[in-house]
Amino acid sequence: VTANQNAVIPVSLVRLTAKVEFSLTIAPAVSGQIVLQTVQLMNAPRSVSYFADNRASSGDLVSFTKQNITGSTFSGIYYVPENLQGVNAAIKDQKDKNPSNAPAGATYLYVQGTTYGRQVAYYIYLGGNNTGDFNIQRNRQYVVQATISGINTVDTRVSTVDLTFGAI
């Protein structure tokens, strides 16, 4: 562009990352039963292309540093490179947006805690909706407000582990 005189040339800014605002609370009904420990953003692309769509492969992913949680709430902001993992149209209910139905490179939030001496983990997959969309698009804002309302061992977004230690 050549400007021969004073001119205003609009330039639009398109970020290569998406902004993810995450807030997590424990419902009052279970606040004494679950203790949150850490949250970690998993499967973020290591790099992005400026002029093409980005779908990271499993070898090109990185996980953010774990953040400790104190109390019954957490909030954080993450800037995540574009990661277009697609849509699984077979998912009709948000509890089916889980590790067994997600693409291998899908970006998710991994929350760890304890309940009654057992480890518990929550998987919150990001995307354009609460069901089958696993796309994180550049220059977008995603707001995730999660409330932990209990431990449902049938819900595959929740994983529990019993540990038994024997004599050494």
C-alpha atoms as a PDB file:
ATOM      1  CA  VAL A   1       0.000   0.000   0.000  1.00  0.00           C
ATOM      2  CA  THR A   2       1.326   3.397  -0.921  1.00  0.00           C
ATOM      3  CA  ALA A   3      -0.127   6.487   0.771  1.00  0.00           C
ATOM      4  CA  ASN A   4       0.721   9.762  -0.983  1.00  0.00           C
ATOM      5  CA  GLN A   5      -0.910  11.904   1.687  1.00  0.00           C
ATOM      6  CA  ASN A   6      -2.109  11.613   5.248  1.00  0.00           C
ATOM      7  CA  ALA A   7      -4.368   8.587   5.286  1.00  0.00           C
ATOM      8  CA  VAL A   8      -5.841   6.223   7.804  1.00  0.00           C
ATOM      9  CA  ILE A   9      -5.303   2.619   6.834  1.00  0.00           C
ATOM     10  CA  PRO A  10      -7.209   0.162   9.028  1.00  0.00           C
ATOM     11  CA  VAL A  11      -5.241  -2.886  10.069  1.00  0.00           C
ATOM     12  CA  SER A  12      -6.984  -5.748  11.822  1.00  0.00           C
ATOM     13  CA  LEU A  13      -5.214  -7.764  14.459  1.00  0.00           C
ATOM     14  CA  VAL A  14      -5.758 -11.515  14.363  1.00  0.00           C
ATOM     15  CA  ARG A  15      -4.158 -13.418  17.213  1.00  0.00           C
ATOM     16  CA  LEU A  16      -2.822 -16.922  16.635  1.00  0.00           C
ATOM     17  CA  THR A  17      -3.997 -17.958  20.078  1.00  0.00           C
ATOM     18  CA  ALA A  18      -7.359 -18.348  21.765  1.00  0.00           C
ATOM     19  CA  LYS A  19      -8.071 -16.944  25.199  1.00  0.00           C
ATOM     20  CA  VAL A  20      -9.493 -19.512  27.611  1.00  0.00           C
ATOM     21  CA  GLU A  21     -11.034 -18.156  30.810  1.00  0.00           C
ATOM     22  CA  PHE A  22     -11.518 -20.987  33.290  1.00  0.00           C
ATOM     23  CA  SER A  23     -13.351 -20.813  36.602  1.00  0.00           C
ATOM     24  CA  LEU A  24     -13.948 -23.796  38.844  1.00  0.00           C
ATOM     25  CA  THR A  25     -16.007 -24.102  42.006  1.00  0.00           C
ATOM     26  CA  ILE A  26     -17.144 -26.906  44.254  1.00  0.00           C
ATOM     27  CA  ALA A  27     -20.881 -26.992  44.902  1.00  0.00           C
ATOM     28  CA  PRO A  28     -21.772 -26.238  48.542  1.00  0.00           C
ATOM     29  CA  ALA A  29     -23.455 -29.651  48.896  1.00  0.00           C
ATOM     30  CA  VAL A  30     -20.091 -31.446  48.435  1.00  0.00           C
ATOM     31  CA  SER A  31     -17.631 -28.787  49.632  1.00  0.00           C
ATOM     32  CA  GLY A  32     -16.428 -30.863  52.604  1.00  0.00           C
ATOM     33  CA  GLN A  33     -16.143 -34.067  50.589  1.00  0.00           C
ATOM     34  CA  ILE A  34     -13.822 -33.031  47.741  1.00  0.00           C
ATOM     35  CA  VAL A  35     -10.460 -31.279  48.070  1.00  0.00           C
ATOM     36  CA  LEU A  36      -9.068 -29.782  44.875  1.00  0.00           C
ATOM     37  CA  GLN A  37      -5.291 -30.018  44.402  1.00  0.00           C
ATOM     38  CA  THR A  38      -4.132 -29.009  40.911  1.00  0.00           C
ATOM     39  CA  VAL A  39      -5.308 -27.896  37.495  1.00  0.00           C
ATOM     40  CA  GLN A  40      -3.314 -28.273  34.284  1.00  0.00           C
ATOM     41  CA  LEU A  41      -4.027 -27.384  30.660  1.00  0.00           C
ATOM     42  CA  MET A  42      -3.094 -30.394  28.523  1.00  0.00           C
ATOM     43  CA  ASN A  43      -2.380 -30.936  24.819  1.00  0.00           C
ATOM     44  CA  ALA A  44      -1.635 -27.408  23.664  1.00  0.00           C
ATOM     45  CA  PRO A  45       0.107 -27.164  20.272  1.00  0.00           C
ATOM     46  CA  ARG A  46       3.847 -26.511  20.502  1.00  0.00           C
ATOM     47  CA  SER A  47       3.794 -24.307  17.391  1.00  0.00           C
ATOM     48  CA  VAL A  48       1.341 -22.824  14.880  1.00  0.00           C
ATOM     49  CA  SER A  49       1.309 -21.850  11.233  1.00  0.00           C
ATOM     50  CA  TYR A  50       0.517 -18.215  10.474  1.00  0.00           C
ATOM     51  CA  PHE A  51      -1.438 -18.750   7.268  1.00  0.00           C
ATOM     52  CA  ALA A  52      -2.961 -22.217   7.545  1.00  0.00           C
ATOM     53  CA  ASP A  53      -5.322 -24.047   9.856  1.00  0.00           C
ATOM     54  CA  ASN A  54      -3.573 -25.788  12.727  1.00  0.00           C
ATOM     55  CA  ARG A  55      -4.285 -29.331  13.851  1.00  0.00           C
ATOM     56  CA  ALA A  56      -1.530 -30.485  16.163  1.00  0.00           C
ATOM     57  CA  SER A  57      -0.408 -34.101  16.049  1.00  0.00           C
ATOM     58  CA  SER A  58       0.261 -36.026  19.249  1.00  0.00           C
ATOM     59  CA  GLY A  59       4.033 -35.516  18.930  1.00  0.00           C
ATOM     60  CA  ASP A  60       3.673 -31.735  18.610  1.00  0.00           C
ATOM     61  CA  LEU A  61       1.797 -31.091  21.880  1.00  0.00           C
ATOM     62  CA  VAL A  62       2.861 -29.620  25.185  1.00  0.00           C
ATOM     63  CA  SER A  63       1.155 -29.368  28.576  1.00  0.00           C
ATOM     64  CA  PHE A  64       1.161 -26.230  30.708  1.00  0.00           C
ATOM     65  CA  THR A  65       2.631 -26.255  34.214  1.00  0.00           C
ATOM     66  CA  LYS A  66       0.382 -27.587  36.969  1.00  0.00           C
ATOM     67  CA  GLN A  67      -1.177 -24.899  39.128  1.00  0.00           C
ATOM     68  CA  ASN A  68      -1.991 -25.582  42.764  1.00  0.00           C
ATOM     69  CA  ILE A  69      -5.523 -24.976  43.986  1.00  0.00           C
ATOM     70  CA  THR A  70      -6.211 -23.720  47.482  1.00  0.00           C
ATOM     71  CA  GLY A  71      -9.754 -23.607  48.745  1.00  0.00           C
ATOM     72  CA  SER A  72     -12.887 -24.563  46.849  1.00  0.00           C
ATOM     73  CA  THR A  73     -12.488 -22.252  43.843  1.00  0.00           C
ATOM     74  CA  PHE A  74      -9.997 -21.608  41.059  1.00  0.00           C
ATOM     75  CA  SER A  75      -9.828 -19.179  38.174  1.00  0.00           C
ATOM     76  CA  GLY A  76      -7.218 -18.790  35.490  1.00  0.00           C
ATOM     77  CA  ILE A  77      -6.614 -17.450  32.004  1.00  0.00           C
ATOM     78  CA  TYR A  78      -4.746 -19.423  29.354  1.00  0.00           C
ATOM     79  CA  TYR A  79      -3.612 -18.375  25.894  1.00  0.00           C
ATOM     80  CA  VAL A  80      -3.744 -21.490  23.740  1.00  0.00           C
ATOM     81  CA  PRO A  81      -2.482 -21.817  20.165  1.00  0.00           C
ATOM     82  CA  GLU A  82      -5.073 -22.838  17.589  1.00  0.00           C
ATOM     83  CA  ASN A  83      -5.821 -26.570  17.680  1.00  0.00           C
ATOM     84  CA  LEU A  84      -8.501 -27.731  15.228  1.00  0.00           C
ATOM     85  CA  GLN A  85      -9.227 -31.314  16.297  1.00  0.00           C
ATOM     86  CA  GLY A  86     -12.640 -31.531  14.651  1.00  0.00           C
ATOM     87  CA  VAL A  87     -16.184 -32.414  15.640  1.00  0.00           C
ATOM     88  CA  ASN A  88     -17.454 -35.779  16.840  1.00  0.00           C
ATOM     89  CA  ALA A  89     -21.106 -35.633  15.725  1.00  0.00           C
ATOM     90  CA  ALA A  90     -21.902 -38.837  17.636  1.00  0.00           C
ATOM     91  CA  ILE A  91     -21.594 -36.994  20.979  1.00  0.00           C
ATOM     92  CA  LYS A  92     -25.051 -35.753  21.980  1.00  0.00           C
ATOM     93  CA  ASP A  93     -24.587 -35.419  25.764  1.00  0.00           C
ATOM     94  CA  GLN A  94     -21.804 -33.438  27.432  1.00  0.00           C
ATOM     95  CA  LYS A  95     -20.860 -36.342  29.734  1.00  0.00           C
ATOM     96  CA  ASP A  96     -19.793 -38.189  26.566  1.00  0.00           C
ATOM     97  CA  LYS A  97     -17.171 -35.495  25.846  1.00  0.00           C
ATOM     98  CA  ASN A  98     -14.556 -37.583  27.613  1.00  0.00           C
ATOM     99  CA  PRO A  99     -11.143 -39.215  27.048  1.00  0.00           C
ATOM    100  CA  SER A 100     -12.575 -42.248  25.230  1.00  0.00           C
ATOM    101  CA  ASN A 101     -14.466 -40.118  22.673  1.00  0.00           C
ATOM    102  CA  ALA A 102     -11.977 -37.251  22.251  1.00  0.00           C
ATOM    103  CA  PRO A 103      -9.390 -37.028  19.465  1.00  0.00           C
ATOM    104  CA  ALA A 104      -5.864 -37.890  20.658  1.00  0.00           C
ATOM    105  CA  GLY A 105      -4.662 -34.288  20.294  1.00  0.00           C
ATOM    106  CA  ALA A 106      -7.680 -32.523  21.825  1.00  0.00           C
ATOM    107  CA  THR A 107      -6.925 -29.750  24.326  1.00  0.00           C
ATOM    108  CA  TYR A 108      -8.390 -30.197  27.812  1.00  0.00           C
ATOM    109  CA  LEU A 109      -8.178 -29.087  31.422  1.00  0.00           C
ATOM    110  CA  TYR A 110      -7.115 -31.767  33.888  1.00  0.00           C
ATOM    111  CA  VAL A 111      -8.230 -31.193  37.494  1.00  0.00           C
ATOM    112  CA  GLN A 112      -6.929 -33.394  40.310  1.00  0.00           C
ATOM    113  CA  GLY A 113      -8.237 -33.722  43.846  1.00  0.00           C
ATOM    114  CA  THR A 114      -9.068 -36.150  46.601  1.00  0.00           C
ATOM    115  CA  THR A 115     -12.246 -37.432  48.181  1.00  0.00           C
ATOM    116  CA  TYR A 116     -12.417 -39.763  51.154  1.00  0.00           C
ATOM    117  CA  GLY A 117      -8.753 -40.717  50.699  1.00  0.00           C
ATOM    118  CA  ARG A 118      -9.140 -41.516  46.983  1.00  0.00           C
ATOM    119  CA  GLN A 119      -7.596 -39.629  44.094  1.00  0.00           C
ATOM    120  CA  VAL A 120     -10.135 -38.098  41.735  1.00  0.00           C
ATOM    121  CA  ALA A 121      -9.522 -36.521  38.320  1.00  0.00           C
ATOM    122  CA  TYR A 122     -11.829 -34.414  36.161  1.00  0.00           C
ATOM    123  CA  TYR A 123     -11.370 -34.001  32.389  1.00  0.00           C
ATOM    124  CA  ILE A 124     -12.820 -30.851  30.818  1.00  0.00           C
ATOM    125  CA  TYR A 125     -12.392 -30.855  27.042  1.00  0.00           C
ATOM    126  CA  LEU A 126     -12.361 -27.475  25.324  1.00  0.00           C
ATOM    127  CA  GLY A 127     -14.080 -26.596  22.084  1.00  0.00           C
ATOM    128  CA  GLY A 128     -16.878 -24.690  20.413  1.00  0.00           C
ATOM    129  CA  ASN A 129     -19.619 -26.359  22.497  1.00  0.00           C
ATOM    130  CA  ASN A 130     -20.187 -28.694  25.458  1.00  0.00           C
ATOM    131  CA  THR A 131     -20.679 -31.784  23.319  1.00  0.00           C
ATOM    132  CA  GLY A 132     -18.848 -32.852  20.162  1.00  0.00           C
ATOM    133  CA  ASP A 133     -16.755 -29.824  19.118  1.00  0.00           C
ATOM    134  CA  PHE A 134     -13.035 -30.140  19.957  1.00  0.00           C
ATOM    135  CA  ASN A 135     -11.840 -27.129  17.922  1.00  0.00           C
ATOM    136  CA  ILE A 136      -9.857 -24.329  19.565  1.00  0.00           C
ATOM    137  CA  GLN A 137      -9.856 -21.543  16.978  1.00  0.00           C
ATOM    138  CA  ARG A 138      -7.441 -18.638  16.833  1.00  0.00           C
ATOM    139  CA  ASN A 139      -8.529 -15.157  17.872  1.00  0.00           C
ATOM    140  CA  ARG A 140     -11.499 -16.476  19.891  1.00  0.00           C
ATOM    141  CA  GLN A 141     -12.428 -16.344  23.550  1.00  0.00           C
ATOM    142  CA  TYR A 142     -13.652 -19.437  25.388  1.00  0.00           C
ATOM    143  CA  VAL A 143     -15.272 -19.096  28.808  1.00  0.00           C
ATOM    144  CA  VAL A 144     -15.465 -22.295  30.854  1.00  0.00           C
ATOM    145  CA  GLN A 145     -17.367 -22.144  34.137  1.00  0.00           C
ATOM    146  CA  ALA A 146     -17.286 -25.549  35.818  1.00  0.00           C
ATOM    147  CA  THR A 147     -18.939 -26.622  39.044  1.00  0.00           C
ATOM    148  CA  ILE A 148     -17.995 -29.898  40.686  1.00  0.00           C
ATOM    149  CA  SER A 149     -21.211 -31.248  42.109  1.00  0.00           C
ATOM    150  CA  GLY A 150     -20.070 -34.707  43.155  1.00  0.00           C
ATOM    151  CA  ILE A 151     -18.391 -37.894  42.092  1.00  0.00           C
ATOM    152  CA  ASN A 152     -20.294 -39.896  39.554  1.00  0.00           C
ATOM    153  CA  THR A 153     -18.274 -43.023  38.779  1.00  0.00           C
ATOM    154  CA  VAL A 154     -20.505 -43.669  35.746  1.00  0.00           C
ATOM    155  CA  ASP A 155     -19.525 -40.302  34.231  1.00  0.00           C
ATOM    156  CA  THR A 156     -16.370 -40.997  32.222  1.00  0.00           C
ATOM    157  CA  ARG A 157     -15.161 -37.406  32.588  1.00  0.00           C
ATOM    158  CA  VAL A 158     -14.383 -38.381  36.200  1.00  0.00           C
ATOM    159  CA  SER A 159     -11.730 -40.912  37.174  1.00  0.00           C
ATOM    160  CA  THR A 160     -11.088 -42.283  40.676  1.00  0.00           C
ATOM    161  CA  VAL A 161      -8.285 -44.457  41.985  1.00  0.00           C
ATOM    162  CA  ASP A 162      -8.125 -46.528  45.174  1.00  0.00           C
ATOM    163  CA  LEU A 163      -4.618 -46.979  46.548  1.00  0.00           C
ATOM    164  CA  THR A 164      -3.695 -49.772  48.943  1.00  0.00           C
ATOM    165  CA  PHE A 165      -0.214 -49.879  50.435  1.00  0.00           C
ATOM    166  CA  GLY A 166       1.228 -53.095  51.780  1.00  0.00           C
ATOM    167  CA  ALA A 167       4.154 -53.677  54.106  1.00  0.00           C
ATOM    168  CA  ILE A 168       7.574 -52.845  52.722  1.00  0.00           C
END
